[in-house]
Amino acid sequence: MGRKARLRKELDLEKRIEEKAAIAIRQKAKRAPMVKFAIRFVAVLLFTIGLLYAGSLINSRIVAQANQEQKK
């Protein structure tokens, strides 16, 4: 392989690497809104589950306390 051919091949390889990097950046930017939505959705879901669990605990304690008062 001659010097010019080797140089041409290296330039072509560099160009392909740059194109792949640019494609990866565009795909990441394209997915960003969906990722933000998914993170927000999961956070709200966990918060809701936590509130439901806390409400369940409070309710069970109130019921237990009412049962103790009825026994007296």
N, C-alpha and C. Protein backbone atom coordinates (compact mmCIF):
# COMPACT_ATOMS: atom_id res chain seq x y z
N MET A 1 0.85 -1.16 0.00
CA MET A 1 0.00 0.00 0.00
C MET A 1 0.90 1.23 0.00
N GLY A 2 0.57 2.13 -0.91
CA GLY A 2 1.37 3.34 -1.00
C GLY A 2 1.04 4.33 0.09
N ARG A 3 1.88 5.33 0.14
CA ARG A 3 1.73 6.34 1.18
C ARG A 3 0.43 7.13 1.02
N LYS A 4 0.09 7.48 -0.22
CA LYS A 4 -1.14 8.22 -0.48
C LYS A 4 -2.37 7.38 -0.14
N ALA A 5 -2.31 6.11 -0.50
CA ALA A 5 -3.44 5.22 -0.21
C ALA A 5 -3.62 5.05 1.29
N ARG A 6 -2.52 4.90 2.00
CA ARG A 6 -2.59 4.76 3.46
C ARG A 6 -3.16 6.02 4.09
N LEU A 7 -2.71 7.18 3.62
CA LEU A 7 -3.20 8.45 4.13
C LEU A 7 -4.70 8.60 3.83
N ARG A 8 -5.11 8.24 2.63
CA ARG A 8 -6.51 8.31 2.25
C ARG A 8 -7.36 7.39 3.13
N LYS A 9 -6.83 6.20 3.40
CA LYS A 9 -7.54 5.23 4.23
C LYS A 9 -7.67 5.74 5.67
N GLU A 10 -6.62 6.35 6.19
CA GLU A 10 -6.66 6.90 7.54
C GLU A 10 -7.67 8.05 7.63
N LEU A 11 -7.69 8.91 6.61
CA LEU A 11 -8.64 10.01 6.60
C LEU A 11 -10.08 9.49 6.53
N ASP A 12 -10.29 8.46 5.72
CA ASP A 12 -11.62 7.86 5.61
C ASP A 12 -12.04 7.25 6.94
N LEU A 13 -11.11 6.60 7.61
CA LEU A 13 -11.40 5.99 8.91
C LEU A 13 -11.75 7.07 9.94
N GLU A 14 -10.98 8.15 9.96
CA GLU A 14 -11.26 9.26 10.88
C GLU A 14 -12.63 9.87 10.59
N LYS A 15 -12.95 10.00 9.31
CA LYS A 15 -14.24 10.56 8.92
C LYS A 15 -15.38 9.68 9.42
N ARG A 16 -15.24 8.37 9.28
CA ARG A 16 -16.27 7.44 9.76
C ARG A 16 -16.43 7.52 11.27
N ILE A 17 -15.31 7.61 11.99
CA ILE A 17 -15.37 7.72 13.45
C ILE A 17 -16.09 9.01 13.86
N GLU A 18 -15.79 10.11 13.19
CA GLU A 18 -16.44 11.38 13.49
C GLU A 18 -17.94 11.31 13.20
N GLU A 19 -18.31 10.66 12.09
CA GLU A 19 -19.72 10.51 11.74
C GLU A 19 -20.46 9.69 12.79
N LYS A 20 -19.83 8.60 13.26
CA LYS A 20 -20.46 7.76 14.28
C LYS A 20 -20.63 8.54 15.58
N ALA A 21 -19.64 9.35 15.93
CA ALA A 21 -19.74 10.16 17.14
C ALA A 21 -20.86 11.19 17.01
N ALA A 22 -20.97 11.80 15.84
CA ALA A 22 -22.03 12.79 15.62
C ALA A 22 -23.41 12.13 15.68
N ILE A 23 -23.52 10.93 15.13
CA ILE A 23 -24.79 10.20 15.17
C ILE A 23 -25.15 9.87 16.61
N ALA A 24 -24.17 9.43 17.39
CA ALA A 24 -24.43 9.10 18.80
C ALA A 24 -24.90 10.34 19.57
N ILE A 25 -24.30 11.48 19.30
CA ILE A 25 -24.69 12.72 19.98
C ILE A 25 -26.12 13.11 19.59
N ARG A 26 -26.46 12.99 18.31
CA ARG A 26 -27.82 13.31 17.86
C ARG A 26 -28.85 12.38 18.48
N GLN A 27 -28.52 11.09 18.57
CA GLN A 27 -29.45 10.13 19.16
C GLN A 27 -29.66 10.42 20.64
N LYS A 28 -28.59 10.78 21.33
CA LYS A 28 -28.70 11.10 22.76
C LYS A 28 -29.56 12.34 22.95
N ALA A 29 -29.38 13.35 22.11
CA ALA A 29 -30.18 14.56 22.19
C ALA A 29 -31.64 14.27 21.86
N LYS A 30 -31.87 13.35 20.96
CA LYS A 30 -33.22 12.98 20.57
C LYS A 30 -33.95 12.26 21.70
N ARG A 31 -33.22 11.46 22.49
CA ARG A 31 -33.81 10.70 23.59
C ARG A 31 -33.95 11.52 24.86
N ALA A 32 -33.32 12.65 24.96
CA ALA A 32 -33.29 13.44 26.20
C ALA A 32 -34.68 13.76 26.75
N PRO A 33 -35.64 14.24 25.94
CA PRO A 33 -36.96 14.53 26.51
C PRO A 33 -37.65 13.28 27.06
N MET A 34 -37.48 12.17 26.38
CA MET A 34 -38.10 10.93 26.84
C MET A 34 -37.48 10.47 28.16
N VAL A 35 -36.19 10.63 28.30
CA VAL A 35 -35.51 10.25 29.53
C VAL A 35 -35.96 11.15 30.68
N LYS A 36 -36.07 12.45 30.43
CA LYS A 36 -36.55 13.37 31.46
C LYS A 36 -37.96 13.00 31.90
N PHE A 37 -38.82 12.67 30.93
CA PHE A 37 -40.19 12.27 31.27
C PHE A 37 -40.19 11.00 32.10
N ALA A 38 -39.37 10.02 31.72
CA ALA A 38 -39.33 8.75 32.45
C ALA A 38 -38.85 8.97 33.89
N ILE A 39 -37.84 9.79 34.08
CA ILE A 39 -37.33 10.07 35.42
C ILE A 39 -38.40 10.76 36.26
N ARG A 40 -39.07 11.74 35.67
CA ARG A 40 -40.13 12.45 36.39
C ARG A 40 -41.29 11.51 36.72
N PHE A 41 -41.65 10.64 35.78
CA PHE A 41 -42.74 9.69 35.99
C PHE A 41 -42.42 8.74 37.13
N VAL A 42 -41.21 8.20 37.14
CA VAL A 42 -40.81 7.27 38.20
C VAL A 42 -40.78 7.99 39.56
N ALA A 43 -40.31 9.22 39.58
CA ALA A 43 -40.26 9.97 40.84
C ALA A 43 -41.67 10.20 41.39
N VAL A 44 -42.60 10.59 40.53
CA VAL A 44 -43.98 10.81 40.96
C VAL A 44 -44.61 9.50 41.41
N LEU A 45 -44.32 8.43 40.70
CA LEU A 45 -44.85 7.12 41.07
C LEU A 45 -44.35 6.70 42.45
N LEU A 46 -43.06 6.85 42.71
CA LEU A 46 -42.51 6.50 44.01
C LEU A 46 -43.09 7.38 45.12
N PHE A 47 -43.26 8.65 44.85
CA PHE A 47 -43.86 9.56 45.83
C PHE A 47 -45.29 9.15 46.16
N THR A 48 -46.05 8.78 45.13
CA THR A 48 -47.43 8.35 45.33
C THR A 48 -47.49 7.06 46.15
N ILE A 49 -46.62 6.13 45.85
CA ILE A 49 -46.58 4.87 46.61
C ILE A 49 -46.21 5.15 48.06
N GLY A 50 -45.28 6.06 48.28
CA GLY A 50 -44.90 6.44 49.64
C GLY A 50 -46.06 7.05 50.41
N LEU A 51 -46.82 7.93 49.75
CA LEU A 51 -47.98 8.53 50.40
C LEU A 51 -49.04 7.48 50.73
N LEU A 52 -49.27 6.56 49.81
CA LEU A 52 -50.24 5.49 50.07
C LEU A 52 -49.80 4.62 51.24
N TYR A 53 -48.52 4.31 51.30
CA TYR A 53 -48.00 3.49 52.39
C TYR A 53 -48.13 4.23 53.73
N ALA A 54 -47.79 5.51 53.73
CA ALA A 54 -47.91 6.30 54.97
C ALA A 54 -49.37 6.37 55.41
N GLY A 55 -50.28 6.57 54.47
CA GLY A 55 -51.70 6.60 54.80
C GLY A 55 -52.18 5.28 55.36
N SER A 56 -51.68 4.19 54.80
CA SER A 56 -52.05 2.87 55.30
C SER A 56 -51.55 2.67 56.73
N LEU A 57 -50.33 3.09 57.01
CA LEU A 57 -49.79 2.98 58.38
C LEU A 57 -50.61 3.81 59.37
N ILE A 58 -50.91 5.03 58.98
CA ILE A 58 -51.68 5.91 59.86
C ILE A 58 -53.06 5.31 60.12
N ASN A 59 -53.69 4.80 59.06
CA ASN A 59 -55.01 4.20 59.21
C ASN A 59 -54.97 2.99 60.13
N SER A 60 -53.98 2.14 59.98
CA SER A 60 -53.91 0.94 60.83
C SER A 60 -53.67 1.33 62.29
N ARG A 61 -52.90 2.36 62.55
CA ARG A 61 -52.69 2.81 63.93
C ARG A 61 -53.96 3.41 64.53
N ILE A 62 -54.71 4.15 63.72
CA ILE A 62 -55.97 4.72 64.21
C ILE A 62 -56.95 3.61 64.54
N VAL A 63 -57.03 2.61 63.67
CA VAL A 63 -57.94 1.48 63.91
C VAL A 63 -57.51 0.71 65.15
N ALA A 64 -56.22 0.49 65.32
CA ALA A 64 -55.73 -0.23 66.50
C ALA A 64 -56.03 0.56 67.77
N GLN A 65 -55.86 1.86 67.72
CA GLN A 65 -56.14 2.70 68.88
C GLN A 65 -57.64 2.69 69.20
N ALA A 66 -58.48 2.73 68.18
CA ALA A 66 -59.93 2.69 68.39
C ALA A 66 -60.35 1.36 68.99
N ASN A 67 -59.73 0.28 68.55
CA ASN A 67 -60.04 -1.04 69.11
C ASN A 67 -59.64 -1.12 70.58
N GLN A 68 -58.51 -0.54 70.94
CA GLN A 68 -58.08 -0.55 72.34
C GLN A 68 -59.03 0.26 73.21
N GLU A 69 -59.53 1.38 72.69
CA GLU A 69 -60.45 2.21 73.45
C GLU A 69 -61.80 1.52 73.65
N GLN A 70 -62.21 0.71 72.66
CA GLN A 70 -63.48 -0.01 72.78
C GLN A 70 -63.38 -1.12 73.83
N LYS A 71 -62.20 -1.71 73.98
CA LYS A 71 -62.01 -2.79 74.95
C LYS A 71 -62.05 -2.27 76.38
N LYS A 72 -61.74 -1.00 76.59
CA LYS A 72 -61.68 -0.43 77.94
C LYS A 72 -63.03 -0.23 78.49
